[in-house]
Amino acid sequence: MNKSAILLAGLALVGCHRVPSSKGSLSASTSTPVATPVETPNGVKATNTSFQYLSGHGKVHFKHKNTDQSANFSLRIRRDSAIWLSGSLLGIEGVRALLTPDSVRVVNRLQKSYFAGDYAYLSQLLNVPVSYPQMQAILLGDYQSAPKGAIPVVKKEGDSQTVTYPQTPLILEQLVSLSTGRLQQLKVSETAAQRSLTVGYEDFQKPSGADLPFAFTTNVLGQQGGTESTSATLNYQKVEVGSGHLDFPFSIPKGYKKETKIKK
């Protein structure tokens, strides 16, 4: 299994809290999550998730060069603290990843190797610069506000708004539904390097424990040099938020080789 399938599957691009332990449990609040409205000075209105915890599972279909395969995936998130991803085929786990605000760790059980480092790893894997807050927003389908000093260009297109602004060295384009406030598409591009990452959100449903619609289908497309390089489609079968507790188990088996180069 190619690790890109699992890492891309989240996605497509805040406060930070440390995860107490990669093997520990995280207790969740039992209060009902409330949608978080986001409004910019330019009149853009978006509604973001605000729950503390999310867990979901489903299937991901992945295409990269001559690789075309499907796998099962599981996702767990503690807001601003940890993103945990696992991918398996026929019930056998192939890849597990744990992302925190300042670290990226990936274990590839099929190749008996692991990676432990920073976000330069994901930036190379996804072909665009990426950070923890961006990964979290992409996986949750949340609108990303313009950084200080950037002036968004806002246009109305039917029942949606397009919002474009620079975030050096990137250009972010977001499509927001005027009726629900939810993000429908995100495109992150770097013109100088001729590369981009596009994430589309579809099949909005209310997950267990929340009233805010969540995209049960996420389409991710990474391009470089104007040609398609990698794509992944995540189809959630179940999503739960704001109840119970979450574990983020992660360990590196003895004898596994540390990766020093990106293997897409």
Protein backbone atom coordinates (compact mmCIF):
# COMPACT_ATOMS: atom_id res chain seq x y z
CA MET A 1 0.00 0.00 0.00
CA ASN A 2 1.34 3.40 -0.92
CA LYS A 3 1.47 5.65 2.15
CA SER A 4 0.28 8.58 0.03
CA ALA A 5 -3.19 7.03 -0.10
CA ILE A 6 -3.60 7.35 3.63
CA LEU A 7 -1.99 10.74 4.05
CA LEU A 8 -3.76 12.24 1.06
CA ALA A 9 -6.99 10.78 2.24
CA GLY A 10 -7.44 13.19 4.64
CA LEU A 11 -6.81 15.76 3.74
CA ALA A 12 -5.96 18.37 0.85
CA LEU A 13 -4.44 21.42 3.31
CA VAL A 14 -5.34 27.48 16.11
CA GLY A 15 -4.11 26.78 18.87
CA CYS A 16 -1.78 23.90 19.59
CA HIS A 17 -1.86 21.50 22.54
CA ARG A 18 0.51 18.62 23.11
CA VAL A 19 -0.71 15.04 23.00
CA PRO A 20 -0.02 13.61 26.47
CA SER A 21 1.19 10.28 25.06
CA SER A 22 1.03 8.54 21.71
CA LYS A 23 -0.25 5.46 23.55
CA GLY A 24 -2.65 7.27 25.87
CA SER A 25 -6.38 7.86 25.93
CA LEU A 26 -8.03 11.21 25.40
CA SER A 27 -11.28 11.83 27.19
CA ALA A 28 -13.93 13.63 25.18
CA SER A 29 -16.45 16.23 26.23
CA THR A 30 -20.05 15.03 26.36
CA SER A 31 -21.45 18.42 25.37
CA THR A 32 -23.11 18.78 21.99
CA PRO A 33 -20.78 20.39 19.42
CA VAL A 34 -21.87 23.80 18.18
CA ALA A 35 -21.13 25.10 14.69
CA THR A 36 -18.60 27.92 14.57
CA PRO A 37 -19.52 30.76 12.19
CA VAL A 38 -16.59 32.46 10.49
CA GLU A 39 -16.94 35.94 9.02
CA THR A 40 -14.27 37.98 7.27
CA PRO A 41 -14.31 41.77 6.83
CA ASN A 42 -15.16 41.18 3.17
CA GLY A 43 -18.49 39.58 4.03
CA VAL A 44 -17.51 35.95 3.57
CA LYS A 45 -19.60 33.77 5.85
CA ALA A 46 -18.55 30.20 6.53
CA THR A 47 -19.52 27.68 9.19
CA ASN A 48 -16.71 25.56 10.59
CA THR A 49 -16.72 22.55 12.87
CA SER A 50 -16.05 23.16 16.56
CA PHE A 51 -16.18 19.71 18.15
CA GLN A 52 -13.14 18.55 20.09
CA TYR A 53 -13.04 14.97 18.82
CA LEU A 54 -13.86 13.12 15.60
CA SER A 55 -13.56 9.51 14.57
CA GLY A 56 -14.55 7.96 11.26
CA HIS A 57 -13.87 5.07 8.94
CA GLY A 58 -14.53 4.11 5.35
CA LYS A 59 -12.80 3.31 2.09
CA VAL A 60 -10.22 5.23 0.09
CA HIS A 61 -9.51 4.78 -3.61
CA PHE A 62 -6.04 5.86 -4.65
CA LYS A 63 -4.37 6.48 -8.03
CA HIS A 64 -0.74 7.39 -8.60
CA LYS A 65 1.09 6.70 -11.86
CA ASN A 66 0.57 2.97 -12.48
CA THR A 67 -0.92 2.35 -9.04
CA ASP A 68 -4.71 2.03 -8.78
CA GLN A 69 -5.96 0.50 -5.55
CA SER A 70 -8.53 0.70 -2.76
CA ALA A 71 -8.13 0.27 0.98
CA ASN A 72 -9.97 0.73 4.25
CA PHE A 73 -9.07 3.72 6.40
CA SER A 74 -9.71 4.96 9.92
CA LEU A 75 -9.33 8.57 11.06
CA ARG A 76 -9.21 10.07 14.56
CA ILE A 77 -8.75 13.73 15.42
CA ARG A 78 -8.35 15.66 18.65
CA ARG A 79 -8.64 19.29 17.61
CA ASP A 80 -5.35 21.18 17.52
CA SER A 81 -3.53 18.21 19.08
CA ALA A 82 -3.45 15.01 17.04
CA ILE A 83 -4.44 13.43 13.73
CA TRP A 84 -4.28 9.63 13.58
CA LEU A 85 -4.68 7.72 10.30
CA SER A 86 -4.61 4.00 9.58
CA GLY A 87 -4.94 2.13 6.29
CA SER A 88 -5.51 -1.58 5.76
CA LEU A 89 -6.17 -4.20 3.10
CA LEU A 90 -8.15 -7.35 3.86
CA GLY A 91 -8.05 -6.53 7.55
CA ILE A 92 -4.25 -6.20 7.66
CA GLU A 93 -2.89 -2.76 8.53
CA GLY A 94 -0.30 -1.48 6.08
CA VAL A 95 0.25 2.15 7.10
CA ARG A 96 -0.28 4.10 10.31
CA ALA A 97 0.43 7.81 10.80
CA LEU A 98 0.34 10.17 13.76
CA LEU A 99 0.50 13.91 13.15
CA THR A 100 0.92 16.48 15.91
CA PRO A 101 1.44 20.25 15.54
CA ASP A 102 5.21 19.84 15.24
CA SER A 103 5.82 16.26 14.11
CA VAL A 104 4.94 13.67 11.47
CA ARG A 105 5.39 9.96 12.19
CA VAL A 106 4.54 7.18 9.75
CA VAL A 107 4.99 3.41 10.02
CA ASN A 108 4.89 1.30 6.86
CA ARG A 109 4.36 -2.28 8.01
CA LEU A 110 4.52 -3.70 4.50
CA GLN A 111 8.04 -2.37 3.95
CA LYS A 112 9.04 -2.58 7.63
CA SER A 113 10.10 1.04 7.64
CA TYR A 114 9.17 4.27 9.41
CA PHE A 115 9.52 8.03 9.15
CA ALA A 116 9.79 10.49 12.03
CA GLY A 117 10.28 14.15 11.25
CA ASP A 118 8.54 17.43 10.48
CA TYR A 119 6.10 18.79 7.89
CA ALA A 120 8.72 19.00 5.15
CA TYR A 121 7.87 15.31 4.68
CA LEU A 122 4.19 15.97 3.92
CA SER A 123 5.02 19.02 1.86
CA GLN A 124 7.13 16.87 -0.45
CA LEU A 125 4.59 14.06 -0.47
CA LEU A 126 1.68 16.38 -1.36
CA ASN A 127 3.74 18.65 -3.65
CA VAL A 128 2.70 21.83 -1.78
CA PRO A 129 3.82 23.35 1.54
CA VAL A 130 1.53 22.14 4.33
CA SER A 131 1.23 22.56 8.12
CA TYR A 132 -0.75 20.89 10.91
CA PRO A 133 -3.55 23.52 10.97
CA GLN A 134 -3.96 23.14 7.20
CA MET A 135 -4.09 19.35 7.40
CA GLN A 136 -6.70 19.56 10.16
CA ALA A 137 -8.83 22.03 8.22
CA ILE A 138 -8.63 19.90 5.08
CA LEU A 139 -9.69 16.72 6.90
CA LEU A 140 -12.58 18.49 8.66
CA GLY A 141 -13.66 20.43 5.58
CA ASP A 142 -13.24 23.78 7.35
CA TYR A 143 -12.81 27.20 5.74
CA GLN A 144 -9.35 28.71 6.21
CA SER A 145 -9.33 32.44 6.99
CA ALA A 146 -6.91 34.73 5.19
CA PRO A 147 -3.68 35.49 7.07
CA LYS A 148 -3.08 38.96 8.49
CA GLY A 149 -2.34 41.44 5.74
CA ALA A 150 -3.87 39.36 2.93
CA ILE A 151 -6.93 40.85 1.22
CA PRO A 152 -9.34 38.20 -0.09
CA VAL A 153 -11.02 38.57 -3.48
CA VAL A 154 -14.65 37.51 -3.06
CA LYS A 155 -17.02 36.66 -5.90
CA LYS A 156 -20.52 35.26 -5.87
CA GLU A 157 -21.22 32.29 -8.11
CA GLY A 158 -24.82 31.12 -7.87
CA ASP A 159 -25.38 29.64 -4.42
CA SER A 160 -21.68 29.87 -3.59
CA GLN A 161 -18.88 32.33 -2.93
CA THR A 162 -15.33 31.99 -4.19
CA VAL A 163 -12.67 33.42 -1.92
CA THR A 164 -9.09 33.82 -3.20
CA TYR A 165 -6.08 35.17 -1.34
CA PRO A 166 -2.28 34.76 -1.25
CA GLN A 167 -0.53 32.86 1.51
CA THR A 168 3.13 33.01 0.49
CA PRO A 169 4.25 31.16 -1.54
CA LEU A 170 0.74 29.79 -2.16
CA ILE A 171 -2.56 30.96 -3.57
CA LEU A 172 -5.66 29.63 -1.81
CA GLU A 173 -9.04 29.44 -3.57
CA GLN A 174 -12.07 28.34 -1.57
CA LEU A 175 -15.64 27.71 -2.64
CA VAL A 176 -18.19 28.22 0.15
CA SER A 177 -21.89 27.34 0.06
CA LEU A 178 -24.06 30.39 0.81
CA SER A 179 -26.92 28.20 2.05
CA THR A 180 -24.97 26.04 4.53
CA GLY A 181 -21.72 27.95 5.04
CA ARG A 182 -19.76 24.75 4.48
CA LEU A 183 -16.64 24.53 2.34
CA GLN A 184 -17.25 22.82 -1.01
CA GLN A 185 -13.80 23.03 -2.56
CA LEU A 186 -10.27 24.10 -1.68
CA LYS A 187 -7.46 24.64 -4.17
CA VAL A 188 -3.92 25.31 -2.99
CA SER A 189 -1.50 26.23 -5.77
CA GLU A 190 2.09 27.33 -6.11
CA THR A 191 2.46 28.95 -9.52
CA ALA A 192 6.25 29.17 -9.55
CA ALA A 193 6.58 25.43 -8.98
CA GLN A 194 3.58 24.54 -11.20
CA ARG A 195 1.98 22.40 -8.55
CA SER A 196 -1.39 22.34 -6.83
CA LEU A 197 -3.64 20.39 -4.49
CA THR A 198 -7.43 20.44 -4.99
CA VAL A 199 -9.88 19.04 -2.43
CA GLY A 200 -13.59 18.69 -3.19
CA TYR A 201 -16.29 17.96 -0.58
CA GLU A 202 -19.54 16.13 -1.39
CA ASP A 203 -22.37 14.06 0.14
CA PHE A 204 -22.93 16.24 3.21
CA GLN A 205 -24.60 14.42 6.10
CA LYS A 206 -25.02 15.03 9.81
CA PRO A 207 -22.60 12.76 11.70
CA SER A 208 -23.51 11.07 14.96
CA GLY A 209 -23.29 13.65 17.75
CA ALA A 210 -23.52 16.84 15.67
CA ASP A 211 -26.03 18.96 13.77
CA LEU A 212 -23.50 20.47 11.36
CA PRO A 213 -23.29 18.68 7.98
CA PHE A 214 -20.01 16.89 7.30
CA ALA A 215 -18.74 15.80 3.87
CA PHE A 216 -18.90 12.01 3.70
CA THR A 217 -17.02 12.08 0.38
CA THR A 218 -13.72 13.89 -0.12
CA ASN A 219 -11.91 14.00 -3.47
CA VAL A 220 -8.22 14.92 -3.48
CA LEU A 221 -6.17 15.71 -6.58
CA GLY A 222 -2.48 16.58 -6.54
CA GLN A 223 -0.91 17.98 -9.70
CA GLN A 224 2.61 18.92 -10.68
CA GLY A 225 3.78 20.47 -13.92
CA GLY A 226 0.19 20.79 -15.12
CA THR A 227 -0.41 17.03 -15.17
CA GLU A 228 -2.26 14.79 -12.73
CA SER A 229 0.12 13.09 -10.34
CA THR A 230 -1.91 11.68 -7.47
CA SER A 231 -5.61 11.37 -6.61
CA ALA A 232 -7.57 9.88 -3.75
CA THR A 233 -11.27 9.60 -2.93
CA LEU A 234 -12.41 9.05 0.64
CA ASN A 235 -15.87 7.65 1.24
CA TYR A 236 -16.83 7.64 4.91
CA GLN A 237 -19.12 4.89 6.12
CA LYS A 238 -19.45 6.27 9.65
CA VAL A 239 -18.46 9.48 11.43
CA GLU A 240 -18.86 10.24 15.14
CA VAL A 241 -18.02 13.44 17.02
CA GLY A 242 -17.95 14.76 20.59
CA SER A 243 -18.58 11.58 22.60
CA GLY A 244 -16.69 8.75 24.25
CA HIS A 245 -12.89 8.78 24.19
CA LEU A 246 -10.17 8.34 21.59
CA ASP A 247 -6.89 6.45 21.67
CA PHE A 248 -3.97 7.37 19.46
CA PRO A 249 -1.82 4.22 19.61
CA PHE A 250 1.50 4.56 17.82
CA SER A 251 4.79 2.73 18.20
CA ILE A 252 7.72 1.83 15.98
CA PRO A 253 8.46 -1.92 15.97
CA LYS A 254 12.02 -3.01 16.63
CA GLY A 255 14.07 -3.67 13.53
CA TYR A 256 12.18 -1.22 11.29
CA LYS A 257 14.39 0.88 9.03
CA LYS A 258 14.16 4.67 9.20
CA GLU A 259 13.35 6.35 5.90
CA THR A 260 15.47 9.33 4.90
CA LYS A 261 13.91 9.98 1.47
CA ILE A 262 10.37 10.52 0.29
CA LYS A 263 8.88 7.45 -1.39
CA LYS A 264 5.66 8.35 -3.18
